[in-house]
Amino acid sequence: MDEKSELVVKTLVETDNYSVWRADEPDEEATFHLELNNVTVHFFKEEWEEFIELAKRLVA
């Protein structure tokens, strides 16, 4: 498989029940994945940035 066509996955943070990971797609699009027990929410980069802003407001 060509290196440029491989999916690159990186775990950003995790606990016993939750995790966040990033997938760098072959087309250079980054997607973010928020796993909450048995539910996974998928975000494109722009959506992820908006979600992070929302979370910051929540804890402020």
PDB file of N, CA and C in Angstrom:
ATOM      1  N   MET A   1       0.845  -1.180   0.000  1.00  0.00           N
ATOM      2  CA  MET A   1       0.000   0.000   0.000  1.00  0.00           C
ATOM      3  C   MET A   1       0.888   1.239   0.000  1.00  0.00           C
ATOM      4  N   ASP A   2       0.555   2.188  -0.820  1.00  0.00           N
ATOM      5  CA  ASP A   2       1.288   3.448  -0.917  1.00  0.00           C
ATOM      6  C   ASP A   2       1.153   4.221   0.387  1.00  0.00           C
ATOM      7  N   GLU A   3       2.269   4.783   0.886  1.00  0.00           N
ATOM      8  CA  GLU A   3       2.245   5.519   2.153  1.00  0.00           C
ATOM      9  C   GLU A   3       1.233   6.661   2.117  1.00  0.00           C
ATOM     10  N   LYS A   4       1.048   7.310   0.978  1.00  0.00           N
ATOM     11  CA  LYS A   4       0.130   8.435   0.870  1.00  0.00           C
ATOM     12  C   LYS A   4      -1.321   7.998   0.983  1.00  0.00           C
ATOM     13  N   SER A   5      -1.617   6.719   0.811  1.00  0.00           N
ATOM     14  CA  SER A   5      -2.992   6.244   0.864  1.00  0.00           C
ATOM     15  C   SER A   5      -3.338   5.599   2.202  1.00  0.00           C
ATOM     16  N   GLU A   6      -2.431   5.690   3.173  1.00  0.00           N
ATOM     17  CA  GLU A   6      -2.693   5.085   4.470  1.00  0.00           C
ATOM     18  C   GLU A   6      -3.367   6.062   5.427  1.00  0.00           C
ATOM     19  N   LEU A   7      -4.258   5.546   6.231  1.00  0.00           N
ATOM     20  CA  LEU A   7      -4.913   6.301   7.281  1.00  0.00           C
ATOM     21  C   LEU A   7      -3.967   6.359   8.475  1.00  0.00           C
ATOM     22  N   VAL A   8      -3.749   7.550   9.017  1.00  0.00           N
ATOM     23  CA  VAL A   8      -2.882   7.713  10.181  1.00  0.00           C
ATOM     24  C   VAL A   8      -3.766   8.076  11.360  1.00  0.00           C
ATOM     25  N   VAL A   9      -3.765   7.243  12.398  1.00  0.00           N
ATOM     26  CA  VAL A   9      -4.627   7.434  13.563  1.00  0.00           C
ATOM     27  C   VAL A   9      -3.764   7.733  14.784  1.00  0.00           C
ATOM     28  N   LYS A  10      -4.191   8.735  15.550  1.00  0.00           N
ATOM     29  CA  LYS A  10      -3.462   9.101  16.765  1.00  0.00           C
ATOM     30  C   LYS A  10      -4.459   9.314  17.896  1.00  0.00           C
ATOM     31  N   THR A  11      -4.272   8.621  19.014  1.00  0.00           N
ATOM     32  CA  THR A  11      -5.090   8.843  20.196  1.00  0.00           C
ATOM     33  C   THR A  11      -4.628  10.131  20.857  1.00  0.00           C
ATOM     34  N   LEU A  12      -5.550  11.066  21.059  1.00  0.00           N
ATOM     35  CA  LEU A  12      -5.209  12.349  21.655  1.00  0.00           C
ATOM     36  C   LEU A  12      -5.301  12.310  23.170  1.00  0.00           C
ATOM     37  N   VAL A  13      -6.337  11.658  23.692  1.00  0.00           N
ATOM     38  CA  VAL A  13      -6.525  11.533  25.137  1.00  0.00           C
ATOM     39  C   VAL A  13      -7.514  10.393  25.397  1.00  0.00           C
ATOM     40  N   GLU A  14      -7.334   9.719  26.537  1.00  0.00           N
ATOM     41  CA  GLU A  14      -8.280   8.664  26.882  1.00  0.00           C
ATOM     42  C   GLU A  14      -8.331   8.450  28.385  1.00  0.00           C
ATOM     43  N   THR A  15      -9.502   7.991  28.823  1.00  0.00           N
ATOM     44  CA  THR A  15      -9.709   7.582  30.202  1.00  0.00           C
ATOM     45  C   THR A  15     -10.243   6.152  30.148  1.00  0.00           C
ATOM     46  N   ASP A  16     -10.732   5.646  31.275  1.00  0.00           N
ATOM     47  CA  ASP A  16     -11.279   4.289  31.279  1.00  0.00           C
ATOM     48  C   ASP A  16     -12.503   4.152  30.371  1.00  0.00           C
ATOM     49  N   ASN A  17     -13.308   5.223  30.266  1.00  0.00           N
ATOM     50  CA  ASN A  17     -14.565   5.129  29.523  1.00  0.00           C
ATOM     51  C   ASN A  17     -14.656   6.007  28.284  1.00  0.00           C
ATOM     52  N   TYR A  18     -13.737   6.938  28.116  1.00  0.00           N
ATOM     53  CA  TYR A  18     -13.831   7.901  27.020  1.00  0.00           C
ATOM     54  C   TYR A  18     -12.506   8.004  26.289  1.00  0.00           C
ATOM     55  N   SER A  19     -12.589   8.360  25.016  1.00  0.00           N
ATOM     56  CA  SER A  19     -11.356   8.624  24.278  1.00  0.00           C
ATOM     57  C   SER A  19     -11.632   9.585  23.131  1.00  0.00           C
ATOM     58  N   VAL A  20     -10.586  10.273  22.738  1.00  0.00           N
ATOM     59  CA  VAL A  20     -10.622  11.157  21.583  1.00  0.00           C
ATOM     60  C   VAL A  20      -9.448  10.778  20.705  1.00  0.00           C
ATOM     61  N   TRP A  21      -9.730  10.557  19.432  1.00  0.00           N
ATOM     62  CA  TRP A  21      -8.660  10.228  18.504  1.00  0.00           C
ATOM     63  C   TRP A  21      -8.851  10.968  17.199  1.00  0.00           C
ATOM     64  N   ARG A  22      -7.732  11.147  16.517  1.00  0.00           N
ATOM     65  CA  ARG A  22      -7.699  11.889  15.255  1.00  0.00           C
ATOM     66  C   ARG A  22      -7.268  10.931  14.151  1.00  0.00           C
ATOM     67  N   ALA A  23      -7.936  11.034  13.033  1.00  0.00           N
ATOM     68  CA  ALA A  23      -7.552  10.252  11.855  1.00  0.00           C
ATOM     69  C   ALA A  23      -7.189  11.224  10.739  1.00  0.00           C
ATOM     70  N   ASP A  24      -5.974  11.099  10.250  1.00  0.00           N
ATOM     71  CA  ASP A  24      -5.548  11.877   9.095  1.00  0.00           C
ATOM     72  C   ASP A  24      -5.798  11.020   7.865  1.00  0.00           C
ATOM     73  N   GLU A  25      -6.775  11.437   7.089  1.00  0.00           N
ATOM     74  CA  GLU A  25      -7.218  10.678   5.932  1.00  0.00           C
ATOM     75  C   GLU A  25      -6.214  10.812   4.779  1.00  0.00           C
ATOM     76  N   PRO A  26      -6.222   9.867   3.850  1.00  0.00           N
ATOM     77  CA  PRO A  26      -5.318   9.947   2.702  1.00  0.00           C
ATOM     78  C   PRO A  26      -5.502  11.212   1.861  1.00  0.00           C
ATOM     79  N   ASP A  27      -6.716  11.776   1.862  1.00  0.00           N
ATOM     80  CA  ASP A  27      -6.974  12.997   1.087  1.00  0.00           C
ATOM     81  C   ASP A  27      -6.602  14.260   1.863  1.00  0.00           C
ATOM     82  N   GLU A  28      -5.863  14.080   2.954  1.00  0.00           N
ATOM     83  CA  GLU A  28      -5.359  15.159   3.808  1.00  0.00           C
ATOM     84  C   GLU A  28      -6.436  15.821   4.665  1.00  0.00           C
ATOM     85  N   GLU A  29      -7.622  15.235   4.733  1.00  0.00           N
ATOM     86  CA  GLU A  29      -8.680  15.716   5.624  1.00  0.00           C
ATOM     87  C   GLU A  29      -8.484  15.079   6.994  1.00  0.00           C
ATOM     88  N   ALA A  30      -8.546  15.888   8.034  1.00  0.00           N
ATOM     89  CA  ALA A  30      -8.449  15.361   9.397  1.00  0.00           C
ATOM     90  C   ALA A  30      -9.850  15.190   9.954  1.00  0.00           C
ATOM     91  N   THR A  31     -10.095  14.053  10.580  1.00  0.00           N
ATOM     92  CA  THR A  31     -11.353  13.836  11.271  1.00  0.00           C
ATOM     93  C   THR A  31     -11.057  13.516  12.730  1.00  0.00           C
ATOM     94  N   PHE A  32     -11.953  13.924  13.598  1.00  0.00           N
ATOM     95  CA  PHE A  32     -11.804  13.718  15.030  1.00  0.00           C
ATOM     96  C   PHE A  32     -12.954  12.842  15.494  1.00  0.00           C
ATOM     97  N   HIS A  33     -12.658  11.970  16.462  1.00  0.00           N
ATOM     98  CA  HIS A  33     -13.630  10.977  16.909  1.00  0.00           C
ATOM     99  C   HIS A  33     -13.672  11.000  18.432  1.00  0.00           C
ATOM    100  N   LEU A  34     -14.854  11.233  18.958  1.00  0.00           N
ATOM    101  CA  LEU A  34     -15.090  11.296  20.394  1.00  0.00           C
ATOM    102  C   LEU A  34     -15.870  10.048  20.781  1.00  0.00           C
ATOM    103  N   GLU A  35     -15.233   9.152  21.532  1.00  0.00           N
ATOM    104  CA  GLU A  35     -15.876   7.905  21.954  1.00  0.00           C
ATOM    105  C   GLU A  35     -16.327   8.038  23.402  1.00  0.00           C
ATOM    106  N   LEU A  36     -17.629   7.871  23.601  1.00  0.00           N
ATOM    107  CA  LEU A  36     -18.249   7.947  24.929  1.00  0.00           C
ATOM    108  C   LEU A  36     -18.919   6.608  25.189  1.00  0.00           C
ATOM    109  N   ASN A  37     -18.192   5.717  25.843  1.00  0.00           N
ATOM    110  CA  ASN A  37     -18.662   4.335  26.042  1.00  0.00           C
ATOM    111  C   ASN A  37     -18.983   3.721  24.690  1.00  0.00           C
ATOM    112  N   ASN A  38     -20.256   3.433  24.411  1.00  0.00           N
ATOM    113  CA  ASN A  38     -20.600   2.756  23.158  1.00  0.00           C
ATOM    114  C   ASN A  38     -21.093   3.707  22.070  1.00  0.00           C
ATOM    115  N   VAL A  39     -20.888   5.005  22.249  1.00  0.00           N
ATOM    116  CA  VAL A  39     -21.286   6.006  21.257  1.00  0.00           C
ATOM    117  C   VAL A  39     -20.034   6.706  20.734  1.00  0.00           C
ATOM    118  N   THR A  40     -19.933   6.829  19.420  1.00  0.00           N
ATOM    119  CA  THR A  40     -18.830   7.573  18.823  1.00  0.00           C
ATOM    120  C   THR A  40     -19.402   8.717  18.001  1.00  0.00           C
ATOM    121  N   VAL A  41     -18.879   9.917  18.225  1.00  0.00           N
ATOM    122  CA  VAL A  41     -19.284  11.098  17.469  1.00  0.00           C
ATOM    123  C   VAL A  41     -18.109  11.470  16.572  1.00  0.00           C
ATOM    124  N   HIS A  42     -18.382  11.654  15.291  1.00  0.00           N
ATOM    125  CA  HIS A  42     -17.351  11.957  14.311  1.00  0.00           C
ATOM    126  C   HIS A  42     -17.450  13.429  13.907  1.00  0.00           C
ATOM    127  N   PHE A  43     -16.314  14.099  13.812  1.00  0.00           N
ATOM    128  CA  PHE A  43     -16.262  15.509  13.451  1.00  0.00           C
ATOM    129  C   PHE A  43     -15.245  15.731  12.336  1.00  0.00           C
ATOM    130  N   PHE A  44     -15.581  16.596  11.400  1.00  0.00           N
ATOM    131  CA  PHE A  44     -14.566  17.131  10.509  1.00  0.00           C
ATOM    132  C   PHE A  44     -13.848  18.237  11.267  1.00  0.00           C
ATOM    133  N   LYS A  45     -12.709  18.698  10.776  1.00  0.00           N
ATOM    134  CA  LYS A  45     -11.870  19.657  11.488  1.00  0.00           C
ATOM    135  C   LYS A  45     -12.646  20.907  11.913  1.00  0.00           C
ATOM    136  N   GLU A  46     -13.420  21.490  11.009  1.00  0.00           N
ATOM    137  CA  GLU A  46     -14.162  22.711  11.331  1.00  0.00           C
ATOM    138  C   GLU A  46     -15.207  22.452  12.421  1.00  0.00           C
ATOM    139  N   GLU A  47     -15.859  21.307  12.361  1.00  0.00           N
ATOM    140  CA  GLU A  47     -16.852  20.942  13.375  1.00  0.00           C
ATOM    141  C   GLU A  47     -16.165  20.707  14.721  1.00  0.00           C
ATOM    142  N   TRP A  48     -14.996  20.080  14.692  1.00  0.00           N
ATOM    143  CA  TRP A  48     -14.241  19.820  15.919  1.00  0.00           C
ATOM    144  C   TRP A  48     -13.862  21.133  16.598  1.00  0.00           C
ATOM    145  N   GLU A  49     -13.382  22.084  15.815  1.00  0.00           N
ATOM    146  CA  GLU A  49     -12.999  23.377  16.370  1.00  0.00           C
ATOM    147  C   GLU A  49     -14.195  24.072  17.022  1.00  0.00           C
ATOM    148  N   GLU A  50     -15.362  23.988  16.404  1.00  0.00           N
ATOM    149  CA  GLU A  50     -16.578  24.566  16.986  1.00  0.00           C
ATOM    150  C   GLU A  50     -16.971  23.830  18.266  1.00  0.00           C
ATOM    151  N   PHE A  51     -16.843  22.499  18.272  1.00  0.00           N
ATOM    152  CA  PHE A  51     -17.156  21.717  19.463  1.00  0.00           C
ATOM    153  C   PHE A  51     -16.230  22.080  20.621  1.00  0.00           C
ATOM    154  N   ILE A  52     -14.941  22.249  20.336  1.00  0.00           N
ATOM    155  CA  ILE A  52     -13.982  22.628  21.373  1.00  0.00           C
ATOM    156  C   ILE A  52     -14.338  23.995  21.942  1.00  0.00           C
ATOM    157  N   GLU A  53     -14.732  24.939  21.100  1.00  0.00           N
ATOM    158  CA  GLU A  53     -15.163  26.257  21.573  1.00  0.00           C
ATOM    159  C   GLU A  53     -16.388  26.115  22.478  1.00  0.00           C
ATOM    160  N   LEU A  54     -17.309  25.280  22.115  1.00  0.00           N
ATOM    161  CA  LEU A  54     -18.496  25.025  22.939  1.00  0.00           C
ATOM    162  C   LEU A  54     -18.106  24.445  24.291  1.00  0.00           C
ATOM    163  N   ALA A  55     -17.195  23.469  24.293  1.00  0.00           N
ATOM    164  CA  ALA A  55     -16.751  22.854  25.542  1.00  0.00           C
ATOM    165  C   ALA A  55     -16.038  23.862  26.433  1.00  0.00           C
ATOM    166  N   LYS A  56     -15.241  24.742  25.835  1.00  0.00           N
ATOM    167  CA  LYS A  56     -14.561  25.770  26.622  1.00  0.00           C
ATOM    168  C   LYS A  56     -15.572  26.688  27.300  1.00  0.00           C
ATOM    169  N   ARG A  57     -16.627  27.032  26.595  1.00  0.00           N
ATOM    170  CA  ARG A  57     -17.686  27.887  27.181  1.00  0.00           C
ATOM    171  C   ARG A  57     -18.399  27.161  28.321  1.00  0.00           C
ATOM    172  N   LEU A  58     -18.550  25.876  28.188  1.00  0.00           N
ATOM    173  CA  LEU A  58     -19.231  25.073  29.193  1.00  0.00           C
ATOM    174  C   LEU A  58     -18.469  25.082  30.519  1.00  0.00           C
ATOM    175  N   VAL A  59     -17.154  25.007  30.473  1.00  0.00           N
ATOM    176  CA  VAL A  59     -16.357  24.915  31.698  1.00  0.00           C
ATOM    177  C   VAL A  59     -15.871  26.278  32.195  1.00  0.00           C
ATOM    178  N   ALA A  60     -16.154  27.325  31.432  1.00  0.00           N
ATOM    179  CA  ALA A  60     -15.714  28.670  31.836  1.00  0.00           C
ATOM    180  C   ALA A  60     -16.578  29.225  32.960  1.00  0.00           C
TER     181      ALA A  60
END
